[in-house]
């Protein structure tokens, strides 16, 4: 991944809600580079979802139809735990 591509993703992780920003940026820094293409695509798809929907997914009030997206949500929620 090139620096401009990473910078663009980093910008898209900035949502205006500190907690959400921290979760998304942490995933980008710690997991995105090691993720396979499916997981990277799911994370990029997550970044297109409006903030209230992301929060609903993270709090369990909604569930993603896409299995890869559910996997990314799970990694976000378990960010401090070993894989």
N, C-alpha and C. Protein backbone atom coordinates (compact mmCIF):
# COMPACT_ATOMS: atom_id res chain seq x y z
N UNK A 1 0.84 -1.17 0.00
CA UNK A 1 0.00 0.00 0.00
C UNK A 1 0.89 1.24 0.00
N UNK A 2 0.55 2.17 -0.85
CA UNK A 2 1.35 3.38 -0.95
C UNK A 2 0.98 4.36 0.17
N UNK A 3 1.87 5.30 0.42
CA UNK A 3 1.62 6.31 1.45
C UNK A 3 0.35 7.12 1.16
N UNK A 4 0.11 7.55 -0.10
CA UNK A 4 -1.14 8.28 -0.36
C UNK A 4 -2.39 7.45 -0.11
N UNK A 5 -2.35 6.16 -0.43
CA UNK A 5 -3.50 5.30 -0.17
C UNK A 5 -3.75 5.15 1.33
N UNK A 6 -2.67 4.97 2.08
CA UNK A 6 -2.79 4.86 3.53
C UNK A 6 -3.29 6.17 4.13
N UNK A 7 -2.80 7.28 3.63
CA UNK A 7 -3.24 8.58 4.13
C UNK A 7 -4.74 8.78 3.85
N UNK A 8 -5.20 8.33 2.70
CA UNK A 8 -6.61 8.45 2.36
C UNK A 8 -7.46 7.59 3.31
N UNK A 9 -7.01 6.37 3.59
CA UNK A 9 -7.73 5.52 4.54
C UNK A 9 -7.73 6.14 5.94
N UNK A 10 -6.59 6.67 6.34
CA UNK A 10 -6.47 7.30 7.65
C UNK A 10 -7.47 8.46 7.76
N UNK A 11 -7.60 9.23 6.70
CA UNK A 11 -8.54 10.35 6.69
C UNK A 11 -9.98 9.84 6.81
N UNK A 12 -10.28 8.75 6.12
CA UNK A 12 -11.64 8.19 6.15
C UNK A 12 -11.97 7.59 7.51
N UNK A 13 -10.95 7.25 8.30
CA UNK A 13 -11.17 6.72 9.65
C UNK A 13 -11.56 7.82 10.63
N UNK A 14 -11.30 9.04 10.29
CA UNK A 14 -11.63 10.17 11.16
C UNK A 14 -13.10 10.49 11.00
N UNK A 15 -13.88 10.13 12.00
CA UNK A 15 -15.33 10.22 11.90
C UNK A 15 -15.93 11.37 12.69
N UNK A 16 -15.19 11.99 13.58
CA UNK A 16 -15.73 13.08 14.39
C UNK A 16 -16.22 12.62 15.76
N UNK A 17 -16.16 11.35 16.01
CA UNK A 17 -16.50 10.80 17.33
C UNK A 17 -15.21 10.14 17.83
N UNK A 18 -14.66 10.67 18.86
CA UNK A 18 -13.34 10.25 19.33
C UNK A 18 -13.20 8.73 19.50
N UNK A 19 -14.19 8.11 20.13
CA UNK A 19 -14.11 6.67 20.38
C UNK A 19 -14.10 5.89 19.07
N UNK A 20 -14.92 6.31 18.14
CA UNK A 20 -14.98 5.64 16.85
C UNK A 20 -13.68 5.86 16.07
N UNK A 21 -13.17 7.09 16.11
CA UNK A 21 -11.89 7.38 15.47
C UNK A 21 -10.79 6.46 16.02
N UNK A 22 -10.75 6.32 17.33
CA UNK A 22 -9.72 5.51 17.97
C UNK A 22 -9.81 4.05 17.54
N UNK A 23 -11.03 3.50 17.52
CA UNK A 23 -11.20 2.11 17.11
C UNK A 23 -10.76 1.89 15.67
N UNK A 24 -11.22 2.75 14.78
CA UNK A 24 -10.91 2.59 13.36
C UNK A 24 -9.42 2.79 13.07
N UNK A 25 -8.84 3.82 13.67
CA UNK A 25 -7.41 4.07 13.45
C UNK A 25 -6.55 2.97 14.06
N UNK A 26 -6.97 2.44 15.20
CA UNK A 26 -6.23 1.34 15.82
C UNK A 26 -6.23 0.12 14.90
N UNK A 27 -7.40 -0.20 14.34
CA UNK A 27 -7.47 -1.32 13.40
C UNK A 27 -6.56 -1.05 12.21
N UNK A 28 -6.63 0.15 11.66
CA UNK A 28 -5.80 0.48 10.49
C UNK A 28 -4.31 0.30 10.81
N UNK A 29 -3.90 0.77 11.96
CA UNK A 29 -2.48 0.69 12.34
C UNK A 29 -2.03 -0.72 12.70
N UNK A 30 -2.88 -1.47 13.37
CA UNK A 30 -2.46 -2.77 13.91
C UNK A 30 -2.82 -3.98 13.06
N UNK A 31 -3.89 -3.89 12.27
CA UNK A 31 -4.38 -5.09 11.60
C UNK A 31 -4.49 -4.98 10.08
N UNK A 32 -4.75 -3.80 9.58
CA UNK A 32 -5.06 -3.66 8.16
C UNK A 32 -3.93 -4.19 7.26
N UNK A 33 -2.70 -3.85 7.57
CA UNK A 33 -1.57 -4.27 6.75
C UNK A 33 -1.38 -5.78 6.67
N UNK A 34 -1.80 -6.50 7.72
CA UNK A 34 -1.66 -7.95 7.75
C UNK A 34 -2.91 -8.68 7.26
N UNK A 35 -3.98 -7.93 7.04
CA UNK A 35 -5.25 -8.54 6.64
C UNK A 35 -5.20 -8.97 5.17
N UNK A 36 -5.99 -10.00 4.84
CA UNK A 36 -6.07 -10.41 3.45
C UNK A 36 -6.97 -9.43 2.67
N UNK A 37 -7.04 -9.62 1.38
CA UNK A 37 -7.77 -8.68 0.52
C UNK A 37 -9.25 -8.61 0.88
N UNK A 38 -9.84 -9.73 1.29
CA UNK A 38 -11.25 -9.75 1.67
C UNK A 38 -11.49 -8.89 2.90
N UNK A 39 -10.63 -9.04 3.90
CA UNK A 39 -10.79 -8.26 5.13
C UNK A 39 -10.51 -6.79 4.87
N UNK A 40 -9.51 -6.49 4.07
CA UNK A 40 -9.23 -5.09 3.75
C UNK A 40 -10.42 -4.46 3.02
N UNK A 41 -11.01 -5.22 2.09
CA UNK A 41 -12.18 -4.72 1.38
C UNK A 41 -13.36 -4.49 2.31
N UNK A 42 -13.54 -5.38 3.28
CA UNK A 42 -14.63 -5.24 4.25
C UNK A 42 -14.41 -4.00 5.11
N UNK A 43 -13.16 -3.75 5.51
CA UNK A 43 -12.87 -2.55 6.30
C UNK A 43 -13.14 -1.30 5.47
N UNK A 44 -12.74 -1.30 4.22
CA UNK A 44 -13.02 -0.15 3.37
C UNK A 44 -14.53 0.04 3.19
N UNK A 45 -15.26 -1.06 3.09
CA UNK A 45 -16.72 -0.98 2.99
C UNK A 45 -17.31 -0.39 4.27
N UNK A 46 -16.77 -0.80 5.42
CA UNK A 46 -17.24 -0.26 6.70
C UNK A 46 -17.08 1.26 6.74
N UNK A 47 -16.01 1.75 6.15
CA UNK A 47 -15.76 3.19 6.16
C UNK A 47 -16.76 3.97 5.32
N UNK A 48 -17.55 3.29 4.50
CA UNK A 48 -18.59 3.96 3.71
C UNK A 48 -19.92 4.02 4.45
N UNK A 49 -20.01 3.32 5.56
CA UNK A 49 -21.25 3.24 6.34
C UNK A 49 -21.37 4.49 7.23
N UNK A 50 -22.57 5.07 7.32
CA UNK A 50 -22.75 6.24 8.21
C UNK A 50 -22.45 5.89 9.67
N UNK A 51 -21.97 6.86 10.41
CA UNK A 51 -21.58 6.66 11.81
C UNK A 51 -22.65 5.99 12.66
N UNK A 52 -23.93 6.41 12.59
CA UNK A 52 -24.93 5.74 13.43
C UNK A 52 -25.05 4.24 13.14
N UNK A 53 -24.88 3.86 11.89
CA UNK A 53 -24.94 2.44 11.53
C UNK A 53 -23.71 1.69 12.04
N UNK A 54 -22.54 2.33 11.97
CA UNK A 54 -21.33 1.70 12.52
C UNK A 54 -21.51 1.48 14.02
N UNK A 55 -22.03 2.48 14.71
CA UNK A 55 -22.26 2.35 16.15
C UNK A 55 -23.25 1.23 16.44
N UNK A 56 -24.30 1.12 15.64
CA UNK A 56 -25.27 0.04 15.84
C UNK A 56 -24.60 -1.32 15.65
N UNK A 57 -23.71 -1.43 14.67
CA UNK A 57 -22.99 -2.69 14.45
C UNK A 57 -22.06 -3.00 15.62
N UNK A 58 -21.38 -1.99 16.12
CA UNK A 58 -20.43 -2.19 17.21
C UNK A 58 -21.09 -2.49 18.54
N UNK A 59 -22.32 -1.99 18.73
CA UNK A 59 -23.00 -2.20 20.00
C UNK A 59 -23.94 -3.40 19.97
N UNK A 60 -24.03 -4.05 18.82
CA UNK A 60 -24.87 -5.23 18.71
C UNK A 60 -26.34 -4.93 18.43
N UNK A 61 -26.68 -3.66 18.22
CA UNK A 61 -28.06 -3.31 17.89
C UNK A 61 -28.39 -3.64 16.45
N UNK A 62 -27.38 -3.92 15.64
CA UNK A 62 -27.56 -4.32 14.25
C UNK A 62 -26.49 -5.35 13.93
N UNK A 63 -26.75 -6.14 12.91
CA UNK A 63 -25.77 -7.13 12.47
C UNK A 63 -25.58 -6.99 10.97
N UNK A 64 -24.34 -7.02 10.54
CA UNK A 64 -24.02 -6.90 9.12
C UNK A 64 -24.44 -8.16 8.38
N UNK A 65 -24.95 -7.96 7.17
CA UNK A 65 -25.31 -9.10 6.32
C UNK A 65 -24.08 -9.79 5.76
N UNK A 66 -23.02 -9.04 5.60
CA UNK A 66 -21.79 -9.50 4.98
C UNK A 66 -20.90 -10.16 6.04
N UNK A 67 -20.52 -11.41 5.81
CA UNK A 67 -19.70 -12.15 6.78
C UNK A 67 -18.33 -11.48 6.99
N UNK A 68 -17.72 -11.01 5.93
CA UNK A 68 -16.41 -10.35 6.06
C UNK A 68 -16.53 -9.08 6.89
N UNK A 69 -17.63 -8.37 6.74
CA UNK A 69 -17.85 -7.16 7.53
C UNK A 69 -18.05 -7.52 9.00
N UNK A 70 -18.76 -8.61 9.26
CA UNK A 70 -18.92 -9.08 10.64
C UNK A 70 -17.57 -9.43 11.25
N UNK A 71 -16.69 -10.03 10.46
CA UNK A 71 -15.35 -10.37 10.95
C UNK A 71 -14.55 -9.13 11.33
N UNK A 72 -14.66 -8.09 10.51
CA UNK A 72 -13.95 -6.84 10.81
C UNK A 72 -14.51 -6.22 12.09
N UNK A 73 -15.82 -6.22 12.22
CA UNK A 73 -16.45 -5.70 13.45
C UNK A 73 -15.94 -6.48 14.66
N UNK A 74 -15.86 -7.78 14.55
CA UNK A 74 -15.35 -8.61 15.64
C UNK A 74 -13.91 -8.23 16.00
N UNK A 75 -13.08 -8.00 14.99
CA UNK A 75 -11.69 -7.59 15.27
C UNK A 75 -11.64 -6.23 15.94
N UNK A 76 -12.53 -5.33 15.51
CA UNK A 76 -12.57 -4.01 16.14
C UNK A 76 -12.95 -4.13 17.62
N UNK A 77 -13.90 -4.97 17.91
CA UNK A 77 -14.37 -5.12 19.29
C UNK A 77 -13.37 -5.86 20.18
N UNK A 78 -12.54 -6.70 19.57
CA UNK A 78 -11.55 -7.49 20.33
C UNK A 78 -10.14 -7.00 20.11
N UNK A 79 -9.99 -5.71 19.88
CA UNK A 79 -8.70 -5.16 19.47
C UNK A 79 -7.58 -5.37 20.47
N UNK A 80 -7.89 -5.48 21.73
CA UNK A 80 -6.83 -5.66 22.73
C UNK A 80 -6.53 -7.11 23.03
N UNK A 81 -7.31 -8.00 22.44
CA UNK A 81 -7.13 -9.42 22.73
C UNK A 81 -6.30 -10.08 21.64
N UNK A 82 -5.54 -11.09 21.98
CA UNK A 82 -4.75 -11.77 20.95
C UNK A 82 -5.65 -12.45 19.93
N UNK A 83 -5.17 -12.53 18.70
CA UNK A 83 -5.95 -13.17 17.62
C UNK A 83 -5.95 -14.65 17.75
